[in-house]
Amino acid sequence: MGILYDARKIKALEYLNELSEYAGLSSEWADRLWTMMLTDNDLYDEFVYYLEHHTFRDEYKISGYSLSDIYVWQMDKYNLIREIGKNPEHCNKETMVLNAFMTMAQMKSDPEEYVKRLESGRGNDLIP
């Protein structure tokens, strides 16, 4: 009997690592996100969809919030920072996309905390 493997997972992991490196995120950060995605099939499927279509599918929601909602929220926070004259080096599209996935993964374990952040509007805290 041969060994079966999911080539889609290998492709997704390679893409995550490449995207993380381009976005200036550490391999440890990427590993943490990958581990979270492997334990959350819905989030993993969203990532594969993003990989194939370069847009969010937005079928997976936590407390009514999708990846697009989180992405837009982060963009709003980035715009606030830019308006006050600070320009963080990691505020590019790739970083924002990966942060949206990380936030969604973290939101699963503590939805109330993240809903508070999302609904507070523009604030001074950025999602890690």
N, C-alpha and C. Protein backbone atom coordinates (compact mmCIF):
# COMPACT_ATOMS: atom_id res chain seq x y z
N MET A 1 0.84 -1.17 0.00
CA MET A 1 0.00 0.00 0.00
C MET A 1 0.89 1.24 0.00
N GLY A 2 0.56 2.20 -0.82
CA GLY A 2 1.33 3.43 -0.92
C GLY A 2 0.94 4.43 0.16
N ILE A 3 1.74 5.44 0.30
CA ILE A 3 1.46 6.50 1.27
C ILE A 3 0.61 7.56 0.58
N LEU A 4 -0.48 7.91 1.21
CA LEU A 4 -1.35 8.95 0.69
C LEU A 4 -1.03 10.26 1.40
N TYR A 5 -1.00 11.32 0.64
CA TYR A 5 -0.80 12.62 1.25
C TYR A 5 -1.64 13.64 0.49
N ASP A 6 -1.92 14.70 1.15
CA ASP A 6 -2.74 15.76 0.59
C ASP A 6 -1.82 16.83 0.02
N ALA A 7 -1.63 16.81 -1.30
CA ALA A 7 -0.75 17.78 -1.95
C ALA A 7 -1.25 19.21 -1.73
N ARG A 8 -2.55 19.35 -1.53
CA ARG A 8 -3.12 20.67 -1.29
C ARG A 8 -2.55 21.26 -0.01
N LYS A 9 -2.35 20.44 1.01
CA LYS A 9 -1.78 20.95 2.27
C LYS A 9 -0.33 21.36 2.10
N ILE A 10 0.41 20.62 1.33
CA ILE A 10 1.81 20.99 1.08
C ILE A 10 1.87 22.32 0.34
N LYS A 11 1.02 22.49 -0.66
CA LYS A 11 0.97 23.73 -1.42
C LYS A 11 0.56 24.89 -0.51
N ALA A 12 -0.42 24.67 0.34
CA ALA A 12 -0.89 25.72 1.25
C ALA A 12 0.21 26.12 2.23
N LEU A 13 0.92 25.15 2.78
CA LEU A 13 2.01 25.46 3.70
C LEU A 13 3.13 26.22 3.00
N GLU A 14 3.49 25.81 1.80
CA GLU A 14 4.52 26.52 1.05
C GLU A 14 4.09 27.97 0.78
N TYR A 15 2.84 28.16 0.40
CA TYR A 15 2.33 29.49 0.13
C TYR A 15 2.34 30.35 1.40
N LEU A 16 1.90 29.75 2.51
CA LEU A 16 1.90 30.48 3.78
C LEU A 16 3.32 30.92 4.13
N ASN A 17 4.28 30.04 3.99
CA ASN A 17 5.67 30.39 4.31
C ASN A 17 6.21 31.48 3.40
N GLU A 18 5.92 31.38 2.10
CA GLU A 18 6.37 32.41 1.16
C GLU A 18 5.72 33.76 1.46
N LEU A 19 4.43 33.73 1.69
CA LEU A 19 3.70 34.96 1.97
C LEU A 19 4.17 35.59 3.28
N SER A 20 4.40 34.76 4.28
CA SER A 20 4.88 35.26 5.58
C SER A 20 6.25 35.90 5.44
N GLU A 21 7.12 35.26 4.70
CA GLU A 21 8.46 35.82 4.49
C GLU A 21 8.36 37.15 3.76
N TYR A 22 7.55 37.21 2.71
CA TYR A 22 7.38 38.45 1.96
C TYR A 22 6.80 39.56 2.85
N ALA A 23 5.89 39.17 3.75
CA ALA A 23 5.24 40.14 4.63
C ALA A 23 6.12 40.54 5.82
N GLY A 24 7.28 39.90 5.96
CA GLY A 24 8.18 40.24 7.04
C GLY A 24 7.81 39.60 8.36
N LEU A 25 7.03 38.52 8.30
CA LEU A 25 6.63 37.80 9.52
C LEU A 25 7.55 36.61 9.73
N SER A 26 7.83 36.29 10.96
CA SER A 26 8.78 35.23 11.27
C SER A 26 8.22 33.85 10.92
N SER A 27 9.13 32.92 10.79
CA SER A 27 8.71 31.54 10.52
C SER A 27 7.97 30.97 11.73
N GLU A 28 8.31 31.44 12.93
CA GLU A 28 7.59 31.00 14.12
C GLU A 28 6.14 31.48 14.08
N TRP A 29 5.94 32.71 13.62
CA TRP A 29 4.59 33.26 13.48
C TRP A 29 3.81 32.42 12.47
N ALA A 30 4.42 32.12 11.32
CA ALA A 30 3.77 31.30 10.29
C ALA A 30 3.46 29.90 10.82
N ASP A 31 4.38 29.32 11.57
CA ASP A 31 4.14 27.99 12.15
C ASP A 31 2.95 28.00 13.10
N ARG A 32 2.84 29.07 13.88
CA ARG A 32 1.73 29.18 14.83
C ARG A 32 0.40 29.27 14.07
N LEU A 33 0.37 30.08 13.02
CA LEU A 33 -0.85 30.19 12.22
C LEU A 33 -1.17 28.86 11.54
N TRP A 34 -0.17 28.19 11.01
CA TRP A 34 -0.38 26.91 10.33
C TRP A 34 -0.97 25.89 11.30
N THR A 35 -0.44 25.82 12.50
CA THR A 35 -0.95 24.89 13.51
C THR A 35 -2.42 25.20 13.82
N MET A 36 -2.74 26.48 13.94
CA MET A 36 -4.11 26.87 14.22
C MET A 36 -5.04 26.49 13.06
N MET A 37 -4.56 26.68 11.84
CA MET A 37 -5.39 26.33 10.68
C MET A 37 -5.60 24.82 10.57
N LEU A 38 -4.60 24.04 10.94
CA LEU A 38 -4.74 22.59 10.86
C LEU A 38 -5.77 22.05 11.85
N THR A 39 -6.04 22.80 12.90
CA THR A 39 -7.04 22.36 13.87
C THR A 39 -8.40 23.02 13.65
N ASP A 40 -8.51 23.79 12.58
CA ASP A 40 -9.76 24.48 12.26
C ASP A 40 -10.02 24.34 10.76
N ASN A 41 -10.78 23.30 10.39
CA ASN A 41 -11.01 23.01 8.98
C ASN A 41 -11.64 24.17 8.22
N ASP A 42 -12.54 24.91 8.87
CA ASP A 42 -13.19 26.03 8.19
C ASP A 42 -12.18 27.12 7.85
N LEU A 43 -11.30 27.43 8.78
CA LEU A 43 -10.29 28.45 8.53
C LEU A 43 -9.30 27.97 7.46
N TYR A 44 -8.93 26.72 7.55
CA TYR A 44 -8.03 26.14 6.55
C TYR A 44 -8.65 26.23 5.15
N ASP A 45 -9.94 25.88 5.04
CA ASP A 45 -10.63 25.96 3.74
C ASP A 45 -10.67 27.39 3.23
N GLU A 46 -10.85 28.34 4.13
CA GLU A 46 -10.83 29.75 3.73
C GLU A 46 -9.44 30.12 3.19
N PHE A 47 -8.39 29.62 3.84
CA PHE A 47 -7.04 29.92 3.39
C PHE A 47 -6.77 29.32 2.01
N VAL A 48 -7.20 28.09 1.80
CA VAL A 48 -7.01 27.46 0.48
C VAL A 48 -7.78 28.23 -0.58
N TYR A 49 -8.97 28.68 -0.24
CA TYR A 49 -9.74 29.50 -1.18
C TYR A 49 -8.97 30.79 -1.50
N TYR A 50 -8.42 31.43 -0.47
CA TYR A 50 -7.63 32.64 -0.70
C TYR A 50 -6.43 32.34 -1.59
N LEU A 51 -5.79 31.24 -1.33
CA LEU A 51 -4.63 30.82 -2.12
C LEU A 51 -5.00 30.68 -3.59
N GLU A 52 -6.16 30.12 -3.86
CA GLU A 52 -6.57 29.85 -5.24
C GLU A 52 -7.21 31.05 -5.94
N HIS A 53 -7.84 31.95 -5.17
CA HIS A 53 -8.61 33.04 -5.79
C HIS A 53 -8.13 34.45 -5.42
N HIS A 54 -7.23 34.56 -4.47
CA HIS A 54 -6.69 35.85 -4.01
C HIS A 54 -7.79 36.80 -3.51
N THR A 55 -8.80 36.21 -2.93
CA THR A 55 -9.86 36.96 -2.28
C THR A 55 -10.46 36.07 -1.20
N PHE A 56 -11.16 36.67 -0.27
CA PHE A 56 -11.78 35.89 0.81
C PHE A 56 -13.09 35.28 0.32
N ARG A 57 -13.36 34.07 0.74
CA ARG A 57 -14.64 33.41 0.45
C ARG A 57 -15.70 33.91 1.41
N ASP A 58 -15.32 34.13 2.65
CA ASP A 58 -16.20 34.69 3.68
C ASP A 58 -17.38 33.80 4.06
N GLU A 59 -17.23 32.50 3.93
CA GLU A 59 -18.28 31.60 4.40
C GLU A 59 -18.13 31.31 5.89
N TYR A 60 -16.91 31.39 6.39
CA TYR A 60 -16.64 31.11 7.80
C TYR A 60 -16.79 32.40 8.59
N LYS A 61 -17.63 32.35 9.60
CA LYS A 61 -17.85 33.53 10.43
C LYS A 61 -17.83 33.13 11.90
N ILE A 62 -17.35 34.04 12.71
CA ILE A 62 -17.38 33.87 14.16
C ILE A 62 -18.10 35.08 14.71
N SER A 63 -19.15 34.83 15.46
CA SER A 63 -19.97 35.91 16.03
C SER A 63 -20.42 36.91 14.95
N GLY A 64 -20.66 36.39 13.75
CA GLY A 64 -21.14 37.21 12.65
C GLY A 64 -20.06 37.91 11.85
N TYR A 65 -18.80 37.76 12.23
CA TYR A 65 -17.69 38.44 11.56
C TYR A 65 -16.93 37.49 10.64
N SER A 66 -16.61 37.99 9.44
CA SER A 66 -15.87 37.22 8.45
C SER A 66 -14.44 37.76 8.34
N LEU A 67 -13.63 37.09 7.54
CA LEU A 67 -12.27 37.56 7.29
C LEU A 67 -12.26 38.95 6.66
N SER A 68 -13.20 39.21 5.76
CA SER A 68 -13.28 40.55 5.14
C SER A 68 -13.56 41.62 6.19
N ASP A 69 -14.43 41.31 7.14
CA ASP A 69 -14.73 42.27 8.20
C ASP A 69 -13.47 42.60 9.00
N ILE A 70 -12.71 41.57 9.33
CA ILE A 70 -11.48 41.76 10.09
C ILE A 70 -10.45 42.53 9.26
N TYR A 71 -10.33 42.20 8.00
CA TYR A 71 -9.40 42.89 7.11
C TYR A 71 -9.74 44.38 7.02
N VAL A 72 -11.00 44.70 6.82
CA VAL A 72 -11.43 46.10 6.72
C VAL A 72 -11.18 46.82 8.03
N TRP A 73 -11.44 46.17 9.15
CA TRP A 73 -11.20 46.76 10.46
C TRP A 73 -9.72 47.10 10.63
N GLN A 74 -8.86 46.16 10.20
CA GLN A 74 -7.41 46.41 10.29
C GLN A 74 -7.00 47.57 9.38
N MET A 75 -7.57 47.64 8.20
CA MET A 75 -7.25 48.74 7.29
C MET A 75 -7.64 50.08 7.91
N ASP A 76 -8.78 50.10 8.58
CA ASP A 76 -9.22 51.32 9.24
C ASP A 76 -8.21 51.73 10.31
N LYS A 77 -7.73 50.77 11.08
CA LYS A 77 -6.73 51.06 12.10
C LYS A 77 -5.42 51.53 11.48
N TYR A 78 -5.02 50.91 10.38
CA TYR A 78 -3.81 51.34 9.68
C TYR A 78 -3.96 52.78 9.19
N ASN A 79 -5.11 53.12 8.64
CA ASN A 79 -5.33 54.48 8.16
C ASN A 79 -5.24 55.48 9.30
N LEU A 80 -5.72 55.12 10.50
CA LEU A 80 -5.61 55.99 11.65
C LEU A 80 -4.13 56.22 11.99
N ILE A 81 -3.36 55.18 12.01
CA ILE A 81 -1.93 55.30 12.33
C ILE A 81 -1.23 56.19 11.31
N ARG A 82 -1.56 55.98 10.04
CA ARG A 82 -0.96 56.80 9.00
C ARG A 82 -1.34 58.28 9.16
N GLU A 83 -2.59 58.52 9.56
CA GLU A 83 -3.06 59.89 9.75
C GLU A 83 -2.32 60.61 10.88
N ILE A 84 -1.86 59.85 11.89
CA ILE A 84 -1.16 60.50 12.99
C ILE A 84 0.36 60.52 12.77
N GLY A 85 0.77 60.13 11.55
CA GLY A 85 2.16 60.29 11.17
C GLY A 85 3.06 59.11 11.44
N LYS A 86 2.50 57.98 11.83
CA LYS A 86 3.32 56.79 12.04
C LYS A 86 3.12 55.86 10.85
N ASN A 87 4.16 55.21 10.43
CA ASN A 87 4.06 54.31 9.29
C ASN A 87 4.72 52.98 9.62
N PRO A 88 3.98 52.08 10.24
CA PRO A 88 4.57 50.79 10.59
C PRO A 88 5.03 50.05 9.33
N GLU A 89 6.16 49.39 9.44
CA GLU A 89 6.73 48.73 8.27
C GLU A 89 5.91 47.54 7.79
N HIS A 90 5.10 46.97 8.64
CA HIS A 90 4.38 45.76 8.25
C HIS A 90 2.91 46.01 7.96
N CYS A 91 2.56 47.15 7.43
CA CYS A 91 1.17 47.45 7.07
C CYS A 91 1.03 47.38 5.56
N ASN A 92 1.20 46.20 5.00
CA ASN A 92 0.97 46.01 3.58
C ASN A 92 -0.14 44.97 3.42
N LYS A 93 -0.61 44.79 2.21
CA LYS A 93 -1.75 43.90 1.98
C LYS A 93 -1.48 42.49 2.48
N GLU A 94 -0.31 41.95 2.18
CA GLU A 94 -0.02 40.57 2.58
C GLU A 94 -0.03 40.41 4.09
N THR A 95 0.55 41.38 4.79
CA THR A 95 0.55 41.32 6.24
C THR A 95 -0.86 41.41 6.78
N MET A 96 -1.65 42.30 6.21
CA MET A 96 -3.04 42.47 6.66
C MET A 96 -3.85 41.21 6.42
N VAL A 97 -3.65 40.56 5.29
CA VAL A 97 -4.36 39.31 4.99
C VAL A 97 -3.97 38.24 6.01
N LEU A 98 -2.68 38.07 6.22
CA LEU A 98 -2.23 37.05 7.18
C LEU A 98 -2.71 37.39 8.59
N ASN A 99 -2.68 38.66 8.96
CA ASN A 99 -3.19 39.05 10.28
C ASN A 99 -4.68 38.77 10.41
N ALA A 100 -5.42 38.92 9.32
CA ALA A 100 -6.85 38.61 9.35
C ALA A 100 -7.04 37.12 9.66
N PHE A 101 -6.24 36.27 9.04
CA PHE A 101 -6.34 34.83 9.32
C PHE A 101 -5.95 34.53 10.77
N MET A 102 -4.88 35.16 11.25
CA MET A 102 -4.45 34.94 12.63
C MET A 102 -5.52 35.42 13.61
N THR A 103 -6.08 36.58 13.34
CA THR A 103 -7.12 37.12 14.22
C THR A 103 -8.33 36.20 14.25
N MET A 104 -8.72 35.69 13.09
CA MET A 104 -9.87 34.78 13.04
C MET A 104 -9.57 33.52 13.85
N ALA A 105 -8.35 33.01 13.75
CA ALA A 105 -7.97 31.82 14.52
C ALA A 105 -8.02 32.10 16.02
N GLN A 106 -7.52 33.26 16.43
CA GLN A 106 -7.53 33.63 17.84
C GLN A 106 -8.94 33.95 18.32
N MET A 107 -9.74 34.50 17.45
CA MET A 107 -11.11 34.88 17.80
C MET A 107 -11.94 33.66 18.18
N LYS A 108 -11.63 32.54 17.58
CA LYS A 108 -12.37 31.31 17.89
C LYS A 108 -12.27 30.96 19.38
N SER A 109 -11.12 31.21 19.98
CA SER A 109 -10.94 30.85 21.39
C SER A 109 -11.51 31.88 22.35
N ASP A 110 -11.71 33.13 21.90
CA ASP A 110 -12.23 34.18 22.77
C ASP A 110 -13.05 35.18 21.95
N PRO A 111 -14.20 34.74 21.43
CA PRO A 111 -14.98 35.62 20.55
C PRO A 111 -15.37 36.95 21.18
N GLU A 112 -15.74 36.94 22.44
CA GLU A 112 -16.21 38.18 23.07
C GLU A 112 -15.14 39.26 23.07
N GLU A 113 -13.91 38.91 23.35
CA GLU A 113 -12.82 39.89 23.38
C GLU A 113 -12.63 40.52 22.01
N TYR A 114 -12.65 39.71 20.98
CA TYR A 114 -12.42 40.23 19.63
C TYR A 114 -13.63 41.01 19.11
N VAL A 115 -14.82 40.61 19.48
CA VAL A 115 -16.01 41.37 19.10
C VAL A 115 -15.94 42.76 19.72
N LYS A 116 -15.49 42.84 20.98
CA LYS A 116 -15.31 44.16 21.62
C LYS A 116 -14.34 45.02 20.83
N ARG A 117 -13.23 44.44 20.41
CA ARG A 117 -12.24 45.18 19.63
C ARG A 117 -12.82 45.65 18.30
N LEU A 118 -13.52 44.75 17.63
CA LEU A 118 -14.08 45.09 16.33
C LEU A 118 -15.15 46.17 16.44
N GLU A 119 -15.94 46.10 17.47
CA GLU A 119 -17.04 47.03 17.61
C GLU A 119 -16.64 48.35 18.26
N SER A 120 -15.42 48.42 18.78
CA SER A 120 -14.97 49.67 19.40
C SER A 120 -14.55 50.70 18.36
N GLY A 121 -14.47 50.27 17.11
CA GLY A 121 -14.08 51.21 16.05
C GLY A 121 -12.60 51.49 16.08
N ARG A 122 -12.26 52.67 15.66
CA ARG A 122 -10.85 53.06 15.62
C ARG A 122 -10.32 53.22 17.03
N GLY A 123 -9.25 52.52 17.31
CA GLY A 123 -8.59 52.63 18.59
C GLY A 123 -7.10 52.69 18.39
N ASN A 124 -6.37 52.58 19.44
CA ASN A 124 -4.92 52.65 19.31
C ASN A 124 -4.25 51.29 19.32
N ASP A 125 -5.03 50.22 19.55
CA ASP A 125 -4.41 48.90 19.57
C ASP A 125 -4.54 48.24 18.20
N LEU A 126 -3.44 47.65 17.76
CA LEU A 126 -3.45 46.90 16.53
C LEU A 126 -3.48 45.43 16.87
N ILE A 127 -4.07 44.65 16.02
CA ILE A 127 -4.09 43.20 16.25
C ILE A 127 -2.69 42.67 16.06
N PRO A 128 -2.25 41.84 16.99
CA PRO A 128 -0.90 41.28 16.88
C PRO A 128 -0.80 40.31 15.72
